[in-house]
Amino acid sequence: MTIRKAKSKEEVIHALHTVAAEMHDKMMKGKPPAMTLPVRTKTNITFDKKLQVYKYGKNVSTRDATSLGSARVLLRSLHITEFIEQMINSGKSSTLREMYYISEGWGNGKFGTQNESNNLAEDLEIVTKCIREDFKLRPEEDGARIIGNVTFEEKNRKGEWMRINCRDDVGDSGYGVPYNVEAEKLKLVDQDIDFVMAVETGGMFDRLVENGFDEEARCALIHLKGQPARSTRRIMKRMSDEWNKPILVFADCDPWSFRIFASIAYGAIKTAHISEYLATSDATYLGITADDILAYDLPSDDLTKSDLGALQSELSDPRFATGWWKEQINLMQEIGKKAEQQSLAKYGLDFVTDTYLPEKLGALGLNY
């Protein structure tokens, strides 16, 4: 079980100060200031057998002030550390987008694009061993929606704990997951479910809710909203660890949906430095699969050139190294087809809950 203890305000500020201290120490020795970071590419990801997730390997890169571009990155790093410290001390938080615009006042340190500021925030997570939530930085996108008989306690703006049952105390849209789901903000209190099903699309999530699938199958449904936010992956990790519940992923059958599953189960390249907190290595891909297209004669679309390229890339991706995944990818390439979750509606609105999911879950030993 990976339970992360929240860092205190003093610990976070001290970690940020070490970034500036390293640069200062090098300059005092007559050397250019520098930051050393792991190479953040697929080729530098290795499987951590102990943690059962993919992490950055040993390859590193050094950013120092020997070029104008690198010097500018270091300057921005110092501006960000100062900005984060100010937020922490004043009890404020900021979206990543707000930080990008605030940099307009940083002179030569201002960002050229939003992507530059996002990447640098991630770099600081790596060098400080903190997480974005410690920095009081929030993403623009919101987290998942959850429907099911699970109960959380969430700390509100007044610092009071609110108890929320994600079936009885919410509407059809479900419980909205906050950006910070660490224990100091959100407690997992109680549950009466057998498994958690993560659903890629809003249309399918709403179909399962309308059909009462969460109650009939005794599960919690989570709408991933496409590529899941960090808070979404984190709360699934906590539900798996703290409640010992299976995490099943129900997604479209295309290479991009496969990567959604991989980010849940093994981590993503951008967040490989915190995979042990985000990835649920026991997660299972339920469907739609390539063989489902044939077995259920599903309506499908031709794979595009981009799809084919992505599938070929996945054959060398360590997250898809198992024999089962290679079979599915090879079959997709062979039939040249992809299919959406909602293609199951070919057989009626109840087919997914009356036939497809019972058959798929039964194969996993989850009968209801």
Protein backbone atom coordinates (compact mmCIF):
# COMPACT_ATOMS: atom_id res chain seq x y z
CA MET A 1 0.00 0.00 0.00
CA THR A 2 1.34 3.44 -0.98
CA ILE A 3 0.12 5.98 1.57
CA ARG A 4 1.70 9.35 1.14
CA LYS A 5 2.20 11.54 4.18
CA ALA A 6 1.49 15.17 3.42
CA LYS A 7 4.51 17.45 3.58
CA SER A 8 4.36 20.35 5.99
CA LYS A 9 4.58 23.94 4.80
CA GLU A 10 8.09 24.15 6.21
CA GLU A 11 9.20 20.97 4.43
CA VAL A 12 7.96 22.21 1.06
CA ILE A 13 9.59 25.61 1.44
CA HIS A 14 12.86 23.98 2.52
CA ALA A 15 12.77 21.73 -0.55
CA LEU A 16 12.25 24.77 -2.78
CA HIS A 17 15.12 26.60 -1.11
CA THR A 18 17.46 23.71 -1.94
CA VAL A 19 16.90 24.42 -5.64
CA ALA A 20 18.15 27.98 -5.24
CA ALA A 21 20.89 26.88 -2.83
CA GLU A 22 22.33 24.42 -5.36
CA MET A 23 22.56 27.15 -7.98
CA HIS A 24 24.08 29.58 -5.46
CA ASP A 25 26.68 27.05 -4.30
CA LYS A 26 27.84 26.38 -7.86
CA MET A 27 28.19 30.07 -8.59
CA MET A 28 30.19 30.58 -5.38
CA LYS A 29 32.59 27.92 -6.72
CA GLY A 30 32.89 29.74 -10.03
CA LYS A 31 30.71 27.24 -11.88
CA PRO A 32 27.52 27.92 -13.85
CA PRO A 33 24.31 27.19 -11.92
CA ALA A 34 22.59 23.96 -12.99
CA MET A 35 19.69 21.57 -12.47
CA THR A 36 20.00 17.82 -13.09
CA LEU A 37 16.88 15.99 -14.23
CA PRO A 38 16.03 12.54 -15.56
CA VAL A 39 15.53 12.30 -19.31
CA ARG A 40 11.75 12.39 -19.68
CA THR A 41 11.23 10.14 -22.69
CA LYS A 42 9.86 6.66 -23.29
CA THR A 43 13.38 5.31 -23.83
CA ASN A 44 14.28 6.24 -20.24
CA ILE A 45 11.39 4.43 -18.56
CA THR A 46 12.12 1.21 -16.70
CA PHE A 47 9.87 -1.17 -14.78
CA ASP A 48 10.28 -0.97 -11.03
CA LYS A 49 9.66 -4.52 -9.81
CA LYS A 50 9.21 -3.44 -6.21
CA LEU A 51 6.63 -0.76 -6.94
CA GLN A 52 5.14 -2.58 -9.96
CA VAL A 53 5.05 0.64 -11.98
CA TYR A 54 7.16 2.30 -14.65
CA LYS A 55 9.65 4.90 -13.45
CA TYR A 56 12.35 7.07 -14.98
CA GLY A 57 15.64 5.27 -15.54
CA LYS A 58 19.18 6.43 -14.86
CA ASN A 59 19.66 8.69 -17.88
CA VAL A 60 19.84 12.34 -16.82
CA SER A 61 20.24 15.71 -18.48
CA THR A 62 21.79 18.86 -17.03
CA ARG A 63 20.45 22.34 -17.53
CA ASP A 64 23.04 24.98 -16.79
CA ALA A 65 23.56 28.64 -17.59
CA THR A 66 26.08 28.04 -20.39
CA SER A 67 23.49 28.99 -23.01
CA LEU A 68 20.83 31.69 -23.10
CA GLY A 69 18.00 29.17 -23.34
CA SER A 70 19.15 27.14 -20.34
CA ALA A 71 19.83 30.29 -18.32
CA ARG A 72 16.29 31.42 -18.99
CA VAL A 73 14.93 28.07 -17.73
CA LEU A 74 16.90 28.42 -14.49
CA LEU A 75 15.66 31.99 -14.06
CA ARG A 76 12.08 30.80 -14.49
CA SER A 77 12.70 28.06 -11.94
CA LEU A 78 13.73 30.62 -9.36
CA HIS A 79 10.70 32.78 -10.13
CA ILE A 80 8.39 29.78 -9.70
CA THR A 81 9.95 28.77 -6.37
CA GLU A 82 9.45 32.30 -5.09
CA PHE A 83 5.86 32.38 -6.39
CA ILE A 84 5.02 29.03 -4.75
CA GLU A 85 6.53 30.10 -1.45
CA GLN A 86 4.43 33.27 -1.50
CA MET A 87 1.28 31.21 -2.12
CA ILE A 88 2.06 28.77 0.68
CA ASN A 89 2.74 31.58 3.16
CA SER A 90 -0.46 33.44 2.23
CA GLY A 91 -2.69 30.35 2.16
CA LYS A 92 -3.50 30.82 -1.52
CA SER A 93 -3.51 28.46 -4.49
CA SER A 94 -3.19 29.02 -8.22
CA THR A 95 -4.08 27.26 -11.43
CA LEU A 96 -1.25 26.41 -13.79
CA ARG A 97 -2.84 28.84 -16.25
CA GLU A 98 -2.75 31.66 -13.70
CA MET A 99 0.94 30.99 -13.05
CA TYR A 100 1.57 31.25 -16.78
CA TYR A 101 -0.03 34.71 -16.91
CA ILE A 102 1.63 35.84 -13.68
CA SER A 103 4.98 35.20 -15.38
CA GLU A 104 4.22 38.21 -17.62
CA GLY A 105 5.65 40.27 -14.78
CA TRP A 106 8.88 38.27 -14.58
CA GLY A 107 10.75 40.14 -17.30
CA ASN A 108 13.22 37.82 -19.03
CA GLY A 109 11.79 34.96 -16.99
CA LYS A 110 8.31 35.03 -18.50
CA PHE A 111 7.07 31.92 -20.29
CA GLY A 112 6.55 31.75 -24.01
CA THR A 113 3.87 29.04 -23.85
CA GLN A 114 1.64 27.32 -21.31
CA ASN A 115 3.42 24.04 -22.03
CA GLU A 116 6.73 25.55 -20.87
CA SER A 117 5.29 26.53 -17.50
CA ASN A 118 3.55 23.16 -17.02
CA ASN A 119 6.75 21.25 -17.79
CA LEU A 120 8.82 23.37 -15.43
CA ALA A 121 6.32 22.79 -12.60
CA GLU A 122 6.77 19.05 -13.21
CA ASP A 123 10.55 19.48 -13.20
CA LEU A 124 10.32 21.09 -9.77
CA GLU A 125 8.31 18.15 -8.51
CA ILE A 126 11.18 15.90 -9.54
CA VAL A 127 14.04 17.88 -8.02
CA THR A 128 12.20 18.69 -4.77
CA LYS A 129 10.46 15.28 -4.36
CA CYS A 130 7.23 17.18 -3.71
CA ILE A 131 4.02 16.97 -5.69
CA ARG A 132 2.00 19.68 -7.37
CA GLU A 133 -0.58 19.62 -4.59
CA ASP A 134 2.18 20.54 -2.12
CA PHE A 135 2.89 23.59 -4.28
CA LYS A 136 -0.80 24.65 -4.20
CA LEU A 137 -0.90 24.45 -7.99
CA ARG A 138 -4.18 23.34 -9.54
CA PRO A 139 -4.90 22.07 -13.04
CA GLU A 140 -7.52 23.76 -15.22
CA GLU A 141 -9.47 20.55 -15.74
CA ASP A 142 -11.61 19.11 -12.97
CA GLY A 143 -11.39 15.55 -11.77
CA ALA A 144 -13.64 12.55 -12.21
CA ARG A 145 -17.29 12.00 -11.43
CA ILE A 146 -18.12 9.10 -9.13
CA ILE A 147 -21.42 7.25 -8.61
CA GLY A 148 -21.67 4.35 -6.19
CA ASN A 149 -22.17 3.34 -2.57
CA VAL A 150 -18.92 4.77 -1.27
CA THR A 151 -18.58 7.44 1.42
CA PHE A 152 -15.90 10.14 1.60
CA GLU A 153 -15.16 12.95 3.99
CA GLU A 154 -13.95 16.11 2.25
CA LYS A 155 -12.57 19.20 3.96
CA ASN A 156 -14.42 22.30 2.78
CA ARG A 157 -13.21 25.90 2.46
CA LYS A 158 -13.98 26.54 6.12
CA GLY A 159 -11.77 23.67 7.20
CA GLU A 160 -14.76 21.53 8.20
CA TRP A 161 -15.17 17.87 7.24
CA MET A 162 -18.24 17.03 5.11
CA ARG A 163 -19.45 13.42 4.82
CA ILE A 164 -20.66 12.54 1.31
CA ASN A 165 -22.10 9.27 0.04
CA CYS A 166 -21.51 9.09 -3.71
CA ARG A 167 -24.87 7.38 -4.31
CA ASP A 168 -27.32 8.92 -1.83
CA ASP A 169 -25.95 12.45 -1.44
CA VAL A 170 -25.38 13.35 -5.10
CA GLY A 171 -27.40 13.89 -8.27
CA ASP A 172 -27.13 12.06 -11.57
CA SER A 173 -23.81 13.78 -12.33
CA GLY A 174 -22.22 12.13 -9.29
CA TYR A 175 -19.58 13.32 -6.86
CA GLY A 176 -17.02 15.69 -8.35
CA VAL A 177 -13.49 14.72 -7.35
CA PRO A 178 -11.40 17.71 -6.13
CA TYR A 179 -7.93 18.40 -7.49
CA ASN A 180 -6.34 17.42 -4.17
CA VAL A 181 -7.36 13.94 -2.98
CA GLU A 182 -4.60 13.41 -0.44
CA ALA A 183 -5.55 12.31 3.08
CA GLU A 184 -5.33 15.83 4.51
CA LYS A 185 -8.13 16.88 2.11
CA LEU A 186 -10.13 13.70 1.44
CA LYS A 187 -10.76 10.65 3.63
CA LEU A 188 -12.05 7.31 2.35
CA VAL A 189 -14.57 6.48 5.09
CA ASP A 190 -16.80 3.55 4.06
CA GLN A 191 -17.86 1.43 1.10
CA ASP A 192 -20.24 -1.33 0.10
CA ILE A 193 -18.97 -2.30 -3.35
CA ASP A 194 -17.21 -5.23 -4.99
CA PHE A 195 -15.16 -3.34 -7.58
CA VAL A 196 -14.52 0.02 -9.23
CA MET A 197 -15.21 0.53 -12.92
CA ALA A 198 -13.48 3.44 -14.65
CA VAL A 199 -15.43 4.51 -17.75
CA GLU A 200 -13.81 6.55 -20.51
CA THR A 201 -16.73 8.37 -22.11
CA GLY A 202 -19.46 10.49 -20.59
CA GLY A 203 -22.12 8.89 -22.76
CA MET A 204 -21.34 5.40 -21.47
CA PHE A 205 -21.00 6.61 -17.87
CA ASP A 206 -24.48 8.17 -18.09
CA ARG A 207 -25.88 5.01 -19.70
CA LEU A 208 -24.59 2.85 -16.84
CA VAL A 209 -25.95 5.31 -14.25
CA GLU A 210 -29.37 5.48 -15.92
CA ASN A 211 -29.52 1.69 -16.08
CA GLY A 212 -28.69 1.45 -12.36
CA PHE A 213 -25.58 -0.60 -13.05
CA ASP A 214 -23.73 0.66 -9.97
CA GLU A 215 -26.41 -0.75 -7.65
CA GLU A 216 -27.10 -3.93 -9.60
CA ALA A 217 -23.42 -4.86 -9.92
CA ARG A 218 -22.38 -3.42 -6.52
CA CYS A 219 -19.70 -1.19 -7.95
CA ALA A 220 -18.50 2.40 -8.04
CA LEU A 221 -18.49 4.04 -11.45
CA ILE A 222 -15.86 6.65 -12.27
CA HIS A 223 -16.06 8.82 -15.38
CA LEU A 224 -12.50 9.29 -16.60
CA LYS A 225 -13.34 12.21 -18.93
CA GLY A 226 -10.92 10.89 -21.54
CA GLN A 227 -7.30 10.99 -20.39
CA PRO A 228 -7.79 11.01 -16.61
CA ALA A 229 -6.61 13.89 -14.46
CA ARG A 230 -3.99 13.19 -11.82
CA SER A 231 -6.58 13.41 -9.06
CA THR A 232 -8.67 10.79 -10.85
CA ARG A 233 -5.76 8.35 -11.07
CA ARG A 234 -4.81 9.08 -7.48
CA ILE A 235 -8.25 8.41 -6.03
CA MET A 236 -8.45 5.11 -7.94
CA LYS A 237 -5.06 4.20 -6.51
CA ARG A 238 -6.29 4.98 -3.01
CA MET A 239 -9.51 2.98 -3.47
CA SER A 240 -7.44 0.04 -4.67
CA ASP A 241 -4.90 0.25 -1.83
CA GLU A 242 -7.05 1.29 1.12
CA TRP A 243 -10.20 -0.66 0.24
CA ASN A 244 -8.55 -3.50 -1.68
CA LYS A 245 -11.00 -3.15 -4.57
CA PRO A 246 -10.31 -4.27 -8.16
CA ILE A 247 -10.01 -1.42 -10.66
CA LEU A 248 -11.48 -2.22 -14.09
CA VAL A 249 -11.13 0.07 -17.10
CA PHE A 250 -13.94 0.21 -19.65
CA ALA A 251 -12.87 2.25 -22.67
CA ASP A 252 -13.09 2.56 -26.46
CA CYS A 253 -11.13 0.14 -28.60
CA ASP A 254 -8.47 2.39 -30.12
CA PRO A 255 -4.78 3.00 -29.45
CA TRP A 256 -5.45 6.24 -27.58
CA SER A 257 -7.83 4.52 -25.16
CA PHE A 258 -5.23 1.81 -24.61
CA ARG A 259 -2.87 4.57 -23.49
CA ILE A 260 -5.50 5.82 -21.06
CA PHE A 261 -5.44 2.38 -19.45
CA ALA A 262 -1.64 2.34 -19.44
CA SER A 263 -1.51 5.67 -17.60
CA ILE A 264 -3.86 4.27 -14.95
CA ALA A 265 -2.06 0.94 -14.53
CA TYR A 266 1.59 1.82 -15.05
CA GLY A 267 1.91 5.59 -15.12
CA ALA A 268 2.54 8.12 -17.86
CA ILE A 269 5.83 9.48 -19.16
CA LYS A 270 5.08 13.00 -17.86
CA THR A 271 4.36 11.72 -14.34
CA ALA A 272 6.77 8.79 -14.10
CA HIS A 273 8.46 10.50 -11.13
CA ILE A 274 5.34 9.92 -9.02
CA SER A 275 4.01 6.71 -10.57
CA GLU A 276 3.93 4.93 -7.22
CA TYR A 277 1.33 7.47 -6.04
CA LEU A 278 -0.77 7.54 -9.22
CA ALA A 279 -0.55 4.13 -10.88
CA THR A 280 -2.72 1.15 -9.96
CA SER A 281 -0.63 -1.77 -11.15
CA ASP A 282 -3.42 -4.29 -10.50
CA ALA A 283 -5.87 -2.48 -12.80
CA THR A 284 -7.47 -4.64 -15.48
CA TYR A 285 -8.51 -3.62 -19.00
CA LEU A 286 -12.08 -4.86 -19.39
CA GLY A 287 -12.95 -3.68 -22.90
CA ILE A 288 -13.73 -2.78 -25.58
CA THR A 289 -11.12 -5.18 -27.00
CA ALA A 290 -10.16 -6.02 -30.56
CA ASP A 291 -11.65 -9.49 -30.23
CA ASP A 292 -14.90 -7.90 -28.95
CA ILE A 293 -15.29 -6.24 -32.35
CA LEU A 294 -15.38 -9.70 -33.92
CA ALA A 295 -17.19 -11.60 -31.16
CA TYR A 296 -20.04 -9.10 -30.88
CA ASP A 297 -19.98 -7.96 -34.54
CA LEU A 298 -19.69 -4.34 -33.43
CA PRO A 299 -20.01 -1.34 -35.74
CA SER A 300 -16.47 -0.13 -36.36
CA ASP A 301 -14.38 2.41 -38.22
CA ASP A 302 -11.25 1.95 -40.29
CA LEU A 303 -7.98 2.64 -38.53
CA THR A 304 -6.36 5.87 -39.70
CA LYS A 305 -2.71 6.28 -40.54
CA SER A 306 -2.26 7.95 -37.15
CA ASP A 307 -3.98 5.03 -35.42
CA LEU A 308 -1.73 2.52 -37.16
CA GLY A 309 1.37 4.47 -36.20
CA ALA A 310 0.24 4.62 -32.58
CA LEU A 311 -0.43 0.87 -32.47
CA GLN A 312 2.99 0.13 -33.93
CA SER A 313 4.56 2.38 -31.30
CA GLU A 314 2.70 0.56 -28.54
CA LEU A 315 4.26 -2.75 -29.58
CA SER A 316 7.59 -1.37 -28.31
CA ASP A 317 6.08 0.45 -25.30
CA PRO A 318 7.05 -1.37 -22.07
CA ARG A 319 3.54 -0.76 -20.72
CA PHE A 320 2.16 -3.07 -23.42
CA ALA A 321 4.81 -5.77 -23.12
CA THR A 322 2.52 -8.64 -22.10
CA GLY A 323 1.46 -11.34 -24.49
CA TRP A 324 -2.22 -10.42 -24.13
CA TRP A 325 -1.66 -6.80 -25.16
CA LYS A 326 0.49 -7.81 -28.12
CA GLU A 327 -2.28 -10.18 -29.27
CA GLN A 328 -4.88 -7.41 -29.06
CA ILE A 329 -2.71 -4.87 -30.89
CA ASN A 330 -1.74 -7.35 -33.59
CA LEU A 331 -5.40 -8.30 -34.07
CA MET A 332 -6.37 -4.65 -34.45
CA GLN A 333 -3.69 -4.20 -37.08
CA GLU A 334 -4.90 -7.32 -38.85
CA ILE A 335 -8.59 -6.39 -39.02
CA GLY A 336 -7.83 -2.68 -39.47
CA LYS A 337 -10.76 -1.64 -37.28
CA LYS A 338 -11.53 0.34 -34.10
CA ALA A 339 -14.78 0.66 -32.17
CA GLU A 340 -16.39 2.93 -29.56
CA GLN A 341 -17.99 1.85 -26.30
CA GLN A 342 -21.34 3.07 -27.50
CA SER A 343 -21.24 0.81 -30.54
CA LEU A 344 -22.80 -1.73 -28.15
CA ALA A 345 -26.05 0.24 -28.59
CA LYS A 346 -26.44 -1.64 -31.87
CA TYR A 347 -28.29 -4.23 -29.79
CA GLY A 348 -30.32 -1.75 -27.72
CA LEU A 349 -29.78 0.57 -24.76
CA ASP A 350 -29.76 -2.26 -22.21
CA PHE A 351 -27.38 -4.61 -24.01
CA VAL A 352 -24.30 -3.22 -22.30
CA THR A 353 -25.68 -3.84 -18.81
CA ASP A 354 -27.79 -6.94 -19.52
CA THR A 355 -25.34 -8.87 -21.70
CA TYR A 356 -21.94 -7.38 -22.47
CA LEU A 357 -20.74 -6.39 -18.99
CA PRO A 358 -22.12 -9.51 -17.24
CA GLU A 359 -20.26 -11.68 -19.75
CA LYS A 360 -17.03 -9.71 -19.49
CA LEU A 361 -17.15 -9.52 -15.69
CA GLY A 362 -18.08 -13.19 -15.42
CA ALA A 363 -14.91 -14.09 -17.30
CA LEU A 364 -13.02 -12.30 -14.50
CA GLY A 365 -14.93 -14.12 -11.78
CA LEU A 366 -17.03 -11.09 -10.88
CA ASN A 367 -20.54 -12.50 -11.14
CA TYR A 368 -23.61 -10.65 -9.96
